[in-house]
Amino acid sequence: MKNKLNLAILSLSKINRQHVQLFFVVLTLAMLVTGVGAPEDGGGSTH
């Protein structure tokens, strides 16, 4: 039982690391597209 738990935690952390990296890449791309990180200098599409 303990071995199965350790194996599950090990595989979960491996998958988690990849998912976290993928999440940050998608988040960064989304922020670039929406312009969240860009300063508002009036050069973008403002209302």
N, C-alpha and C. Protein backbone atom coordinates (compact mmCIF):
# COMPACT_ATOMS: atom_id res chain seq x y z
N MET A 1 0.84 -1.21 0.00
CA MET A 1 0.00 0.00 0.00
C MET A 1 0.87 1.25 0.00
N LYS A 2 1.93 1.20 0.82
CA LYS A 2 2.80 2.38 0.91
C LYS A 2 3.54 2.61 -0.42
N ASN A 3 3.94 1.51 -1.08
CA ASN A 3 4.63 1.65 -2.36
C ASN A 3 3.72 2.26 -3.41
N LYS A 4 2.45 1.86 -3.42
CA LYS A 4 1.51 2.43 -4.38
C LYS A 4 1.31 3.91 -4.13
N LEU A 5 1.27 4.28 -2.85
CA LEU A 5 1.10 5.69 -2.50
C LEU A 5 2.31 6.50 -2.95
N ASN A 6 3.51 5.98 -2.69
CA ASN A 6 4.73 6.67 -3.11
C ASN A 6 4.80 6.79 -4.63
N LEU A 7 4.41 5.73 -5.33
CA LEU A 7 4.42 5.74 -6.79
C LEU A 7 3.42 6.77 -7.32
N ALA A 8 2.26 6.84 -6.70
CA ALA A 8 1.23 7.79 -7.12
C ALA A 8 1.72 9.22 -6.89
N ILE A 9 2.35 9.47 -5.75
CA ILE A 9 2.85 10.81 -5.44
C ILE A 9 3.97 11.19 -6.41
N LEU A 10 4.83 10.23 -6.72
CA LEU A 10 5.95 10.49 -7.64
C LEU A 10 5.43 10.83 -9.03
N SER A 11 4.50 10.03 -9.54
CA SER A 11 3.96 10.29 -10.88
C SER A 11 3.13 11.56 -10.89
N LEU A 12 2.45 11.84 -9.79
CA LEU A 12 1.63 13.05 -9.70
C LEU A 12 2.51 14.29 -9.72
N SER A 13 3.63 14.25 -8.99
CA SER A 13 4.53 15.41 -8.97
C SER A 13 5.18 15.61 -10.34
N LYS A 14 5.46 14.51 -11.03
CA LYS A 14 6.05 14.60 -12.37
C LYS A 14 5.06 15.27 -13.32
N ILE A 15 3.81 14.83 -13.29
CA ILE A 15 2.77 15.40 -14.14
C ILE A 15 2.51 16.84 -13.74
N ASN A 16 2.48 17.08 -12.42
CA ASN A 16 2.20 18.42 -11.92
C ASN A 16 3.22 19.43 -12.43
N ARG A 17 4.50 19.06 -12.42
CA ARG A 17 5.54 19.98 -12.86
C ARG A 17 5.31 20.39 -14.31
N GLN A 18 4.99 19.41 -15.16
CA GLN A 18 4.75 19.71 -16.57
C GLN A 18 3.50 20.57 -16.73
N HIS A 19 2.47 20.27 -15.95
CA HIS A 19 1.24 21.05 -16.05
C HIS A 19 1.46 22.48 -15.57
N VAL A 20 2.26 22.66 -14.51
CA VAL A 20 2.53 24.00 -14.00
C VAL A 20 3.30 24.80 -15.04
N GLN A 21 4.30 24.19 -15.68
CA GLN A 21 5.06 24.88 -16.72
C GLN A 21 4.15 25.25 -17.88
N LEU A 22 3.30 24.32 -18.29
CA LEU A 22 2.38 24.59 -19.39
C LEU A 22 1.41 25.70 -19.02
N PHE A 23 0.95 25.69 -17.75
CA PHE A 23 0.02 26.72 -17.28
C PHE A 23 0.67 28.10 -17.35
N PHE A 24 1.94 28.18 -16.91
CA PHE A 24 2.61 29.48 -16.93
C PHE A 24 2.87 29.96 -18.36
N VAL A 25 3.16 29.05 -19.27
CA VAL A 25 3.36 29.43 -20.68
C VAL A 25 2.06 29.97 -21.26
N VAL A 26 0.95 29.26 -21.01
CA VAL A 26 -0.35 29.70 -21.51
C VAL A 26 -0.74 31.02 -20.87
N LEU A 27 -0.48 31.16 -19.56
CA LEU A 27 -0.81 32.40 -18.85
C LEU A 27 -0.01 33.56 -19.42
N THR A 28 1.28 33.34 -19.68
CA THR A 28 2.12 34.39 -20.24
C THR A 28 1.64 34.81 -21.62
N LEU A 29 1.31 33.82 -22.45
CA LEU A 29 0.80 34.14 -23.79
C LEU A 29 -0.52 34.89 -23.72
N ALA A 30 -1.38 34.48 -22.80
CA ALA A 30 -2.67 35.16 -22.65
C ALA A 30 -2.47 36.59 -22.19
N MET A 31 -1.51 36.81 -21.28
CA MET A 31 -1.24 38.16 -20.80
C MET A 31 -0.65 39.02 -21.92
N LEU A 32 0.19 38.42 -22.76
CA LEU A 32 0.75 39.17 -23.89
C LEU A 32 -0.34 39.55 -24.88
N VAL A 33 -1.25 38.62 -25.14
CA VAL A 33 -2.33 38.88 -26.10
C VAL A 33 -3.27 39.96 -25.57
N THR A 34 -3.63 39.87 -24.29
CA THR A 34 -4.56 40.84 -23.72
C THR A 34 -3.86 42.14 -23.33
N GLY A 35 -2.54 42.12 -23.24
CA GLY A 35 -1.79 43.33 -22.91
C GLY A 35 -1.87 43.70 -21.45
N VAL A 36 -1.99 42.69 -20.57
CA VAL A 36 -2.09 42.97 -19.14
C VAL A 36 -0.77 43.52 -18.62
N GLY A 37 0.36 42.95 -19.09
CA GLY A 37 1.65 43.35 -18.57
C GLY A 37 2.20 44.60 -19.24
N ALA A 38 1.54 45.09 -20.27
CA ALA A 38 2.04 46.25 -21.00
C ALA A 38 1.60 47.54 -20.32
N PRO A 39 2.47 48.53 -20.28
CA PRO A 39 2.07 49.82 -19.71
C PRO A 39 1.10 50.55 -20.64
N GLU A 40 0.19 51.27 -20.06
CA GLU A 40 -0.80 52.01 -20.87
C GLU A 40 -0.21 53.35 -21.29
N ASP A 41 0.30 53.39 -22.52
CA ASP A 41 0.85 54.63 -23.05
C ASP A 41 -0.03 55.19 -24.16
N GLY A 42 -1.18 54.58 -24.37
CA GLY A 42 -2.09 55.06 -25.39
C GLY A 42 -1.77 54.53 -26.77
N GLY A 43 -0.73 53.70 -26.90
CA GLY A 43 -0.35 53.19 -28.20
C GLY A 43 -1.15 51.97 -28.61
N GLY A 44 -1.76 51.30 -27.63
CA GLY A 44 -2.53 50.10 -27.93
C GLY A 44 -3.96 50.43 -28.28
N SER A 45 -4.79 49.41 -28.29
CA SER A 45 -6.21 49.61 -28.58
C SER A 45 -6.93 49.93 -27.28
N THR A 46 -7.06 51.22 -26.99
CA THR A 46 -7.74 51.64 -25.76
C THR A 46 -9.13 52.14 -26.10
N HIS A 47 -9.99 52.13 -25.12
CA HIS A 47 -11.38 52.56 -25.35
C HIS A 47 -11.47 54.07 -25.33
